[in-house]
Each structure stands twice: as structure tokens, then as C-alpha cells.
Amino acid sequence: MGLDDKTYRQRVRQAKFRSFLGRRAMRDTGFIDRLCRRFLERAARSDPKKSFMRDELIDSDTGYDAAELERYQRGEQS
């Protein structure tokens, strides 16, 4: 039994466990079901600092203010 077989079996077990968690979280009828839902929510949450959709201008609040944006949209020169 090589390393490839071991990693394959591990990935299969992980997939079965995730499927089990998903089925239990969908039911949401008892305490264990709610606990499974919490586990899935934590596992699926991503770090907002690593998001590719982040915009540095918005985060640092250095973009246009509302009055500048209105003047720009009307085509006025500042």
C-alpha cells in the first residue's frame, strides 16, 4: 500500500464526513444538527483580508466623497 493509496483513502473519508455534516446541517431539527451547521459555517468562512475582491481605496477610505462623485457624474470640472 503506497502513499497514493493512503492519501486517496484519506480524501475519501474527508468527503464522506463533509457529506455527513451537510446532510445533518440541512435537517436542523436537533442540537447535533445545529452543531453541524455551525461547523460548516466556520469551515466555509474565508478570511476577509485574503479576499481577491478587496479594494484598497475603499478600505482606506481615500476614494471620492459624495459631493465629488456627484460633480464627476454631472461632468463638471473641479
PDB file of N, CA and C in Angstrom:
ATOM      1  N   MET A   1       0.844  -1.163   0.000  1.00  0.00           N
ATOM      2  CA  MET A   1       0.000   0.000   0.000  1.00  0.00           C
ATOM      3  C   MET A   1       0.896   1.234   0.000  1.00  0.00           C
ATOM      4  N   GLY A   2       0.828   2.008  -1.045  1.00  0.00           N
ATOM      5  CA  GLY A   2       1.702   3.151  -1.173  1.00  0.00           C
ATOM      6  C   GLY A   2       1.106   4.409  -0.574  1.00  0.00           C
ATOM      7  N   LEU A   3       1.841   5.464  -0.688  1.00  0.00           N
ATOM      8  CA  LEU A   3       1.405   6.750  -0.166  1.00  0.00           C
ATOM      9  C   LEU A   3       0.186   7.258  -0.924  1.00  0.00           C
ATOM     10  N   ASP A   4       0.111   6.978  -2.209  1.00  0.00           N
ATOM     11  CA  ASP A   4      -1.020   7.434  -3.001  1.00  0.00           C
ATOM     12  C   ASP A   4      -2.323   6.800  -2.525  1.00  0.00           C
ATOM     13  N   ASP A   5      -2.272   5.526  -2.182  1.00  0.00           N
ATOM     14  CA  ASP A   5      -3.464   4.857  -1.672  1.00  0.00           C
ATOM     15  C   ASP A   5      -3.904   5.468  -0.347  1.00  0.00           C
ATOM     16  N   LYS A   6      -2.940   5.793   0.486  1.00  0.00           N
ATOM     17  CA  LYS A   6      -3.248   6.358   1.794  1.00  0.00           C
ATOM     18  C   LYS A   6      -3.882   7.743   1.650  1.00  0.00           C
ATOM     19  N   THR A   7      -3.326   8.591   0.800  1.00  0.00           N
ATOM     20  CA  THR A   7      -3.896   9.923   0.613  1.00  0.00           C
ATOM     21  C   THR A   7      -5.266   9.840  -0.050  1.00  0.00           C
ATOM     22  N   TYR A   8      -5.440   8.876  -0.956  1.00  0.00           N
ATOM     23  CA  TYR A   8      -6.736   8.710  -1.602  1.00  0.00           C
ATOM     24  C   TYR A   8      -7.795   8.307  -0.579  1.00  0.00           C
ATOM     25  N   ARG A   9      -7.482   7.339   0.282  1.00  0.00           N
ATOM     26  CA  ARG A   9      -8.430   6.911   1.301  1.00  0.00           C
ATOM     27  C   ARG A   9      -8.751   8.042   2.276  1.00  0.00           C
ATOM     28  N   GLN A  10      -7.743   8.860   2.575  1.00  0.00           N
ATOM     29  CA  GLN A  10      -7.964   9.991   3.474  1.00  0.00           C
ATOM     30  C   GLN A  10      -8.908  11.001   2.831  1.00  0.00           C
ATOM     31  N   ARG A  11      -8.721  11.279   1.545  1.00  0.00           N
ATOM     32  CA  ARG A  11      -9.609  12.218   0.852  1.00  0.00           C
ATOM     33  C   ARG A  11     -11.028  11.679   0.752  1.00  0.00           C
ATOM     34  N   VAL A  12     -11.165  10.374   0.570  1.00  0.00           N
ATOM     35  CA  VAL A  12     -12.498   9.763   0.526  1.00  0.00           C
ATOM     36  C   VAL A  12     -13.184   9.894   1.879  1.00  0.00           C
ATOM     37  N   ARG A  13     -12.446   9.621   2.967  1.00  0.00           N
ATOM     38  CA  ARG A  13     -13.021   9.764   4.310  1.00  0.00           C
ATOM     39  C   ARG A  13     -13.433  11.208   4.576  1.00  0.00           C
ATOM     40  N   GLN A  14     -12.604  12.169   4.152  1.00  0.00           N
ATOM     41  CA  GLN A  14     -12.945  13.580   4.346  1.00  0.00           C
ATOM     42  C   GLN A  14     -14.203  13.946   3.573  1.00  0.00           C
ATOM     43  N   ALA A  15     -14.328  13.457   2.350  1.00  0.00           N
ATOM     44  CA  ALA A  15     -15.508  13.752   1.545  1.00  0.00           C
ATOM     45  C   ALA A  15     -16.765  13.142   2.170  1.00  0.00           C
ATOM     46  N   LYS A  16     -16.654  11.925   2.694  1.00  0.00           N
ATOM     47  CA  LYS A  16     -17.797  11.294   3.349  1.00  0.00           C
ATOM     48  C   LYS A  16     -18.196  12.061   4.601  1.00  0.00           C
ATOM     49  N   PHE A  17     -17.206  12.544   5.347  1.00  0.00           N
ATOM     50  CA  PHE A  17     -17.502  13.303   6.562  1.00  0.00           C
ATOM     51  C   PHE A  17     -18.176  14.631   6.224  1.00  0.00           C
ATOM     52  N   ARG A  18     -17.690  15.310   5.189  1.00  0.00           N
ATOM     53  CA  ARG A  18     -18.320  16.568   4.773  1.00  0.00           C
ATOM     54  C   ARG A  18     -19.754  16.332   4.304  1.00  0.00           C
ATOM     55  N   SER A  19     -19.966  15.244   3.613  1.00  0.00           N
ATOM     56  CA  SER A  19     -21.316  14.905   3.164  1.00  0.00           C
ATOM     57  C   SER A  19     -22.225  14.642   4.365  1.00  0.00           C
ATOM     58  N   PHE A  20     -21.709  13.920   5.348  1.00  0.00           N
ATOM     59  CA  PHE A  20     -22.468  13.657   6.568  1.00  0.00           C
ATOM     60  C   PHE A  20     -22.823  14.967   7.268  1.00  0.00           C
ATOM     61  N   LEU A  21     -21.835  15.867   7.403  1.00  0.00           N
ATOM     62  CA  LEU A  21     -22.098  17.158   8.049  1.00  0.00           C
ATOM     63  C   LEU A  21     -23.157  17.942   7.279  1.00  0.00           C
ATOM     64  N   GLY A  22     -23.071  17.930   5.965  1.00  0.00           N
ATOM     65  CA  GLY A  22     -24.043  18.654   5.151  1.00  0.00           C
ATOM     66  C   GLY A  22     -25.452  18.110   5.307  1.00  0.00           C
ATOM     67  N   ARG A  23     -25.576  16.788   5.315  1.00  0.00           N
ATOM     68  CA  ARG A  23     -26.904  16.179   5.484  1.00  0.00           C
ATOM     69  C   ARG A  23     -27.476  16.511   6.859  1.00  0.00           C
ATOM     70  N   ARG A  24     -26.652  16.431   7.889  1.00  0.00           N
ATOM     71  CA  ARG A  24     -27.142  16.720   9.235  1.00  0.00           C
ATOM     72  C   ARG A  24     -27.483  18.206   9.391  1.00  0.00           C
ATOM     73  N   ALA A  25     -26.671  19.086   8.780  1.00  0.00           N
ATOM     74  CA  ALA A  25     -26.915  20.525   8.909  1.00  0.00           C
ATOM     75  C   ALA A  25     -28.187  20.929   8.171  1.00  0.00           C
ATOM     76  N   MET A  26     -28.530  20.221   7.098  1.00  0.00           N
ATOM     77  CA  MET A  26     -29.745  20.544   6.350  1.00  0.00           C
ATOM     78  C   MET A  26     -31.000  20.273   7.175  1.00  0.00           C
ATOM     79  N   ARG A  27     -30.977  19.245   7.983  1.00  0.00           N
ATOM     80  CA  ARG A  27     -32.173  18.875   8.741  1.00  0.00           C
ATOM     81  C   ARG A  27     -32.525  19.939   9.766  1.00  0.00           C
ATOM     82  N   ASP A  28     -31.549  20.374  10.534  1.00  0.00           N
ATOM     83  CA  ASP A  28     -31.711  21.425  11.542  1.00  0.00           C
ATOM     84  C   ASP A  28     -32.890  21.154  12.479  1.00  0.00           C
ATOM     85  N   THR A  29     -32.965  19.936  12.995  1.00  0.00           N
ATOM     86  CA  THR A  29     -34.067  19.603  13.904  1.00  0.00           C
ATOM     87  C   THR A  29     -33.600  19.427  15.339  1.00  0.00           C
ATOM     88  N   GLY A  30     -32.368  19.090  15.552  1.00  0.00           N
ATOM     89  CA  GLY A  30     -31.895  18.847  16.915  1.00  0.00           C
ATOM     90  C   GLY A  30     -30.604  19.579  17.197  1.00  0.00           C
ATOM     91  N   PHE A  31     -30.083  19.337  18.371  1.00  0.00           N
ATOM     92  CA  PHE A  31     -28.862  20.007  18.799  1.00  0.00           C
ATOM     93  C   PHE A  31     -27.676  19.631  17.924  1.00  0.00           C
ATOM     94  N   ILE A  32     -27.531  18.342  17.611  1.00  0.00           N
ATOM     95  CA  ILE A  32     -26.404  17.884  16.786  1.00  0.00           C
ATOM     96  C   ILE A  32     -26.484  18.503  15.393  1.00  0.00           C
ATOM     97  N   ASP A  33     -27.692  18.652  14.871  1.00  0.00           N
ATOM     98  CA  ASP A  33     -27.855  19.257  13.550  1.00  0.00           C
ATOM     99  C   ASP A  33     -27.405  20.716  13.562  1.00  0.00           C
ATOM    100  N   ARG A  34     -27.777  21.431  14.606  1.00  0.00           N
ATOM    101  CA  ARG A  34     -27.346  22.843  14.708  1.00  0.00           C
ATOM    102  C   ARG A  34     -25.838  22.940  14.901  1.00  0.00           C
ATOM    103  N   LEU A  35     -25.277  21.995  15.631  1.00  0.00           N
ATOM    104  CA  LEU A  35     -23.832  21.965  15.831  1.00  0.00           C
ATOM    105  C   LEU A  35     -23.109  21.709  14.506  1.00  0.00           C
ATOM    106  N   CYS A  36     -23.641  20.803  13.703  1.00  0.00           N
ATOM    107  CA  CYS A  36     -23.060  20.540  12.383  1.00  0.00           C
ATOM    108  C   CYS A  36     -23.139  21.786  11.504  1.00  0.00           C
ATOM    109  N   ARG A  37     -24.244  22.523  11.601  1.00  0.00           N
ATOM    110  CA  ARG A  37     -24.382  23.748  10.821  1.00  0.00           C
ATOM    111  C   ARG A  37     -23.324  24.767  11.225  1.00  0.00           C
ATOM    112  N   ARG A  38     -23.062  24.879  12.526  1.00  0.00           N
ATOM    113  CA  ARG A  38     -22.015  25.807  12.999  1.00  0.00           C
ATOM    114  C   ARG A  38     -20.644  25.395  12.474  1.00  0.00           C
ATOM    115  N   PHE A  39     -20.360  24.094  12.480  1.00  0.00           N
ATOM    116  CA  PHE A  39     -19.078  23.608  11.945  1.00  0.00           C
ATOM    117  C   PHE A  39     -18.935  23.971  10.472  1.00  0.00           C
ATOM    118  N   LEU A  40     -19.997  23.782   9.706  1.00  0.00           N
ATOM    119  CA  LEU A  40     -19.943  24.091   8.274  1.00  0.00           C
ATOM    120  C   LEU A  40     -19.788  25.588   8.036  1.00  0.00           C
ATOM    121  N   GLU A  41     -20.478  26.397   8.829  1.00  0.00           N
ATOM    122  CA  GLU A  41     -20.343  27.851   8.670  1.00  0.00           C
ATOM    123  C   GLU A  41     -18.918  28.298   8.936  1.00  0.00           C
ATOM    124  N   ARG A  42     -18.302  27.752   9.977  1.00  0.00           N
ATOM    125  CA  ARG A  42     -16.913  28.109  10.281  1.00  0.00           C
ATOM    126  C   ARG A  42     -15.954  27.624   9.214  1.00  0.00           C
ATOM    127  N   ALA A  43     -16.184  26.430   8.712  1.00  0.00           N
ATOM    128  CA  ALA A  43     -15.286  25.866   7.711  1.00  0.00           C
ATOM    129  C   ALA A  43     -15.398  26.607   6.378  1.00  0.00           C
ATOM    130  N   ALA A  44     -16.575  27.109   6.054  1.00  0.00           N
ATOM    131  CA  ALA A  44     -16.787  27.769   4.772  1.00  0.00           C
ATOM    132  C   ALA A  44     -16.415  29.251   4.803  1.00  0.00           C
ATOM    133  N   ARG A  45     -16.269  29.807   5.992  1.00  0.00           N
ATOM    134  CA  ARG A  45     -15.953  31.228   6.100  1.00  0.00           C
ATOM    135  C   ARG A  45     -14.523  31.477   5.625  1.00  0.00           C
ATOM    136  N   SER A  46     -14.326  32.533   4.854  1.00  0.00           N
ATOM    137  CA  SER A  46     -12.985  32.854   4.373  1.00  0.00           C
ATOM    138  C   SER A  46     -12.459  34.094   5.091  1.00  0.00           C
ATOM    139  N   ASP A  47     -11.158  34.229   5.094  1.00  0.00           N
ATOM    140  CA  ASP A  47     -10.522  35.371   5.732  1.00  0.00           C
ATOM    141  C   ASP A  47     -10.741  36.608   4.867  1.00  0.00           C
ATOM    142  N   PRO A  48     -11.376  37.656   5.386  1.00  0.00           N
ATOM    143  CA  PRO A  48     -11.637  38.837   4.561  1.00  0.00           C
ATOM    144  C   PRO A  48     -10.362  39.554   4.111  1.00  0.00           C
ATOM    145  N   LYS A  49      -9.267  39.374   4.829  1.00  0.00           N
ATOM    146  CA  LYS A  49      -8.022  40.023   4.425  1.00  0.00           C
ATOM    147  C   LYS A  49      -7.423  39.379   3.187  1.00  0.00           C
ATOM    148  N   LYS A  50      -7.790  38.109   2.915  1.00  0.00           N
ATOM    149  CA  LYS A  50      -7.252  37.399   1.766  1.00  0.00           C
ATOM    150  C   LYS A  50      -8.208  37.404   0.573  1.00  0.00           C
ATOM    151  N   SER A  51      -9.272  38.182   0.648  1.00  0.00           N
ATOM    152  CA  SER A  51     -10.265  38.206  -0.422  1.00  0.00           C
ATOM    153  C   SER A  51      -9.701  38.925  -1.641  1.00  0.00           C
ATOM    154  N   PHE A  52      -9.894  38.345  -2.817  1.00  0.00           N
ATOM    155  CA  PHE A  52      -9.400  38.970  -4.037  1.00  0.00           C
ATOM    156  C   PHE A  52     -10.284  40.137  -4.465  1.00  0.00           C
ATOM    157  N   MET A  53     -11.457  40.278  -3.876  1.00  0.00           N
ATOM    158  CA  MET A  53     -12.372  41.363  -4.230  1.00  0.00           C
ATOM    159  C   MET A  53     -12.129  42.620  -3.393  1.00  0.00           C
ATOM    160  N   ARG A  54     -11.165  42.583  -2.491  1.00  0.00           N
ATOM    161  CA  ARG A  54     -10.902  43.762  -1.661  1.00  0.00           C
ATOM    162  C   ARG A  54     -10.319  44.883  -2.483  1.00  0.00           C
ATOM    163  N   ASP A  55     -10.726  46.079  -2.155  1.00  0.00           N
ATOM    164  CA  ASP A  55     -10.238  47.259  -2.842  1.00  0.00           C
ATOM    165  C   ASP A  55      -9.560  48.169  -1.820  1.00  0.00           C
ATOM    166  N   GLU A  56      -8.318  48.484  -2.064  1.00  0.00           N
ATOM    167  CA  GLU A  56      -7.537  49.273  -1.111  1.00  0.00           C
ATOM    168  C   GLU A  56      -8.107  50.688  -0.955  1.00  0.00           C
ATOM    169  N   LEU A  57      -8.651  51.264  -2.021  1.00  0.00           N
ATOM    170  CA  LEU A  57      -9.233  52.609  -1.918  1.00  0.00           C
ATOM    171  C   LEU A  57     -10.432  52.619  -0.979  1.00  0.00           C
ATOM    172  N   ILE A  58     -11.255  51.606  -1.040  1.00  0.00           N
ATOM    173  CA  ILE A  58     -12.429  51.548  -0.178  1.00  0.00           C
ATOM    174  C   ILE A  58     -12.015  51.264   1.263  1.00  0.00           C
ATOM    175  N   ASP A  59     -11.061  50.367   1.447  1.00  0.00           N
ATOM    176  CA  ASP A  59     -10.626  50.030   2.798  1.00  0.00           C
ATOM    177  C   ASP A  59      -9.985  51.218   3.507  1.00  0.00           C
ATOM    178  N   SER A  60      -9.200  51.983   2.790  1.00  0.00           N
ATOM    179  CA  SER A  60      -8.526  53.114   3.427  1.00  0.00           C
ATOM    180  C   SER A  60      -9.350  54.395   3.357  1.00  0.00           C
ATOM    181  N   ASP A  61     -10.519  54.322   2.725  1.00  0.00           N
ATOM    182  CA  ASP A  61     -11.440  55.462   2.620  1.00  0.00           C
ATOM    183  C   ASP A  61     -10.763  56.668   1.966  1.00  0.00           C
ATOM    184  N   THR A  62     -10.049  56.422   0.857  1.00  0.00           N
ATOM    185  CA  THR A  62      -9.386  57.504   0.145  1.00  0.00           C
ATOM    186  C   THR A  62     -10.023  57.759  -1.218  1.00  0.00           C
ATOM    187  N   GLY A  63     -11.223  57.269  -1.429  1.00  0.00           N
ATOM    188  CA  GLY A  63     -11.902  57.461  -2.711  1.00  0.00           C
ATOM    189  C   GLY A  63     -12.601  58.811  -2.761  1.00  0.00           C
ATOM    190  N   TYR A  64     -13.544  58.926  -3.672  1.00  0.00           N
ATOM    191  CA  TYR A  64     -14.316  60.161  -3.802  1.00  0.00           C
ATOM    192  C   TYR A  64     -15.271  60.311  -2.633  1.00  0.00           C
ATOM    193  N   ASP A  65     -15.520  61.544  -2.229  1.00  0.00           N
ATOM    194  CA  ASP A  65     -16.620  61.759  -1.292  1.00  0.00           C
ATOM    195  C   ASP A  65     -17.887  61.977  -2.125  1.00  0.00           C
ATOM    196  N   ALA A  66     -19.014  62.104  -1.482  1.00  0.00           N
ATOM    197  CA  ALA A  66     -20.301  62.151  -2.204  1.00  0.00           C
ATOM    198  C   ALA A  66     -20.404  63.361  -3.115  1.00  0.00           C
ATOM    199  N   ALA A  67     -19.937  64.531  -2.661  1.00  0.00           N
ATOM    200  CA  ALA A  67     -20.037  65.747  -3.484  1.00  0.00           C
ATOM    201  C   ALA A  67     -19.137  65.644  -4.716  1.00  0.00           C
ATOM    202  N   GLU A  68     -17.931  65.114  -4.552  1.00  0.00           N
ATOM    203  CA  GLU A  68     -17.031  64.943  -5.698  1.00  0.00           C
ATOM    204  C   GLU A  68     -17.621  63.968  -6.710  1.00  0.00           C
ATOM    205  N   LEU A  69     -18.238  62.922  -6.224  1.00  0.00           N
ATOM    206  CA  LEU A  69     -18.828  61.937  -7.117  1.00  0.00           C
ATOM    207  C   LEU A  69     -19.989  62.533  -7.906  1.00  0.00           C
ATOM    208  N   GLU A  70     -20.829  63.339  -7.255  1.00  0.00           N
ATOM    209  CA  GLU A  70     -21.941  63.981  -7.970  1.00  0.00           C
ATOM    210  C   GLU A  70     -21.416  64.932  -9.048  1.00  0.00           C
ATOM    211  N   ARG A  71     -20.407  65.748  -8.720  1.00  0.00           N
ATOM    212  CA  ARG A  71     -19.838  66.660  -9.715  1.00  0.00           C
ATOM    213  C   ARG A  71     -19.237  65.885 -10.880  1.00  0.00           C
ATOM    214  N   TYR A  72     -18.578  64.766 -10.605  1.00  0.00           N
ATOM    215  CA  TYR A  72     -17.984  63.959 -11.643  1.00  0.00           C
ATOM    216  C   TYR A  72     -19.059  63.358 -12.556  1.00  0.00           C
ATOM    217  N   GLN A  73     -20.159  62.874 -11.948  1.00  0.00           N
ATOM    218  CA  GLN A  73     -21.229  62.274 -12.739  1.00  0.00           C
ATOM    219  C   GLN A  73     -21.965  63.295 -13.590  1.00  0.00           C
ATOM    220  N   ARG A  74     -22.025  64.546 -13.143  1.00  0.00           N
ATOM    221  CA  ARG A  74     -22.660  65.601 -13.945  1.00  0.00           C
ATOM    222  C   ARG A  74     -21.721  66.138 -15.002  1.00  0.00           C
ATOM    223  N   GLY A  75     -20.451  65.790 -14.913  1.00  0.00           N
ATOM    224  CA  GLY A  75     -19.491  66.235 -15.914  1.00  0.00           C
ATOM    225  C   GLY A  75     -18.879  67.586 -15.633  1.00  0.00           C
ATOM    226  N   GLU A  76     -19.016  68.083 -14.431  1.00  0.00           N
ATOM    227  CA  GLU A  76     -18.458  69.380 -14.073  1.00  0.00           C
ATOM    228  C   GLU A  76     -16.964  69.255 -13.856  1.00  0.00           C
ATOM    229  N   GLN A  77     -16.250  70.299 -14.214  1.00  0.00           N
ATOM    230  CA  GLN A  77     -14.807  70.348 -13.956  1.00  0.00           C
ATOM    231  C   GLN A  77     -14.592  70.943 -12.579  1.00  0.00           C
ATOM    232  N   SER A  78     -13.642  70.428 -11.820  1.00  0.00           N
ATOM    233  CA  SER A  78     -13.415  70.965 -10.466  1.00  0.00           C
ATOM    234  C   SER A  78     -12.485  72.102 -10.575  1.00  0.00           C
TER     235      SER A  78
END
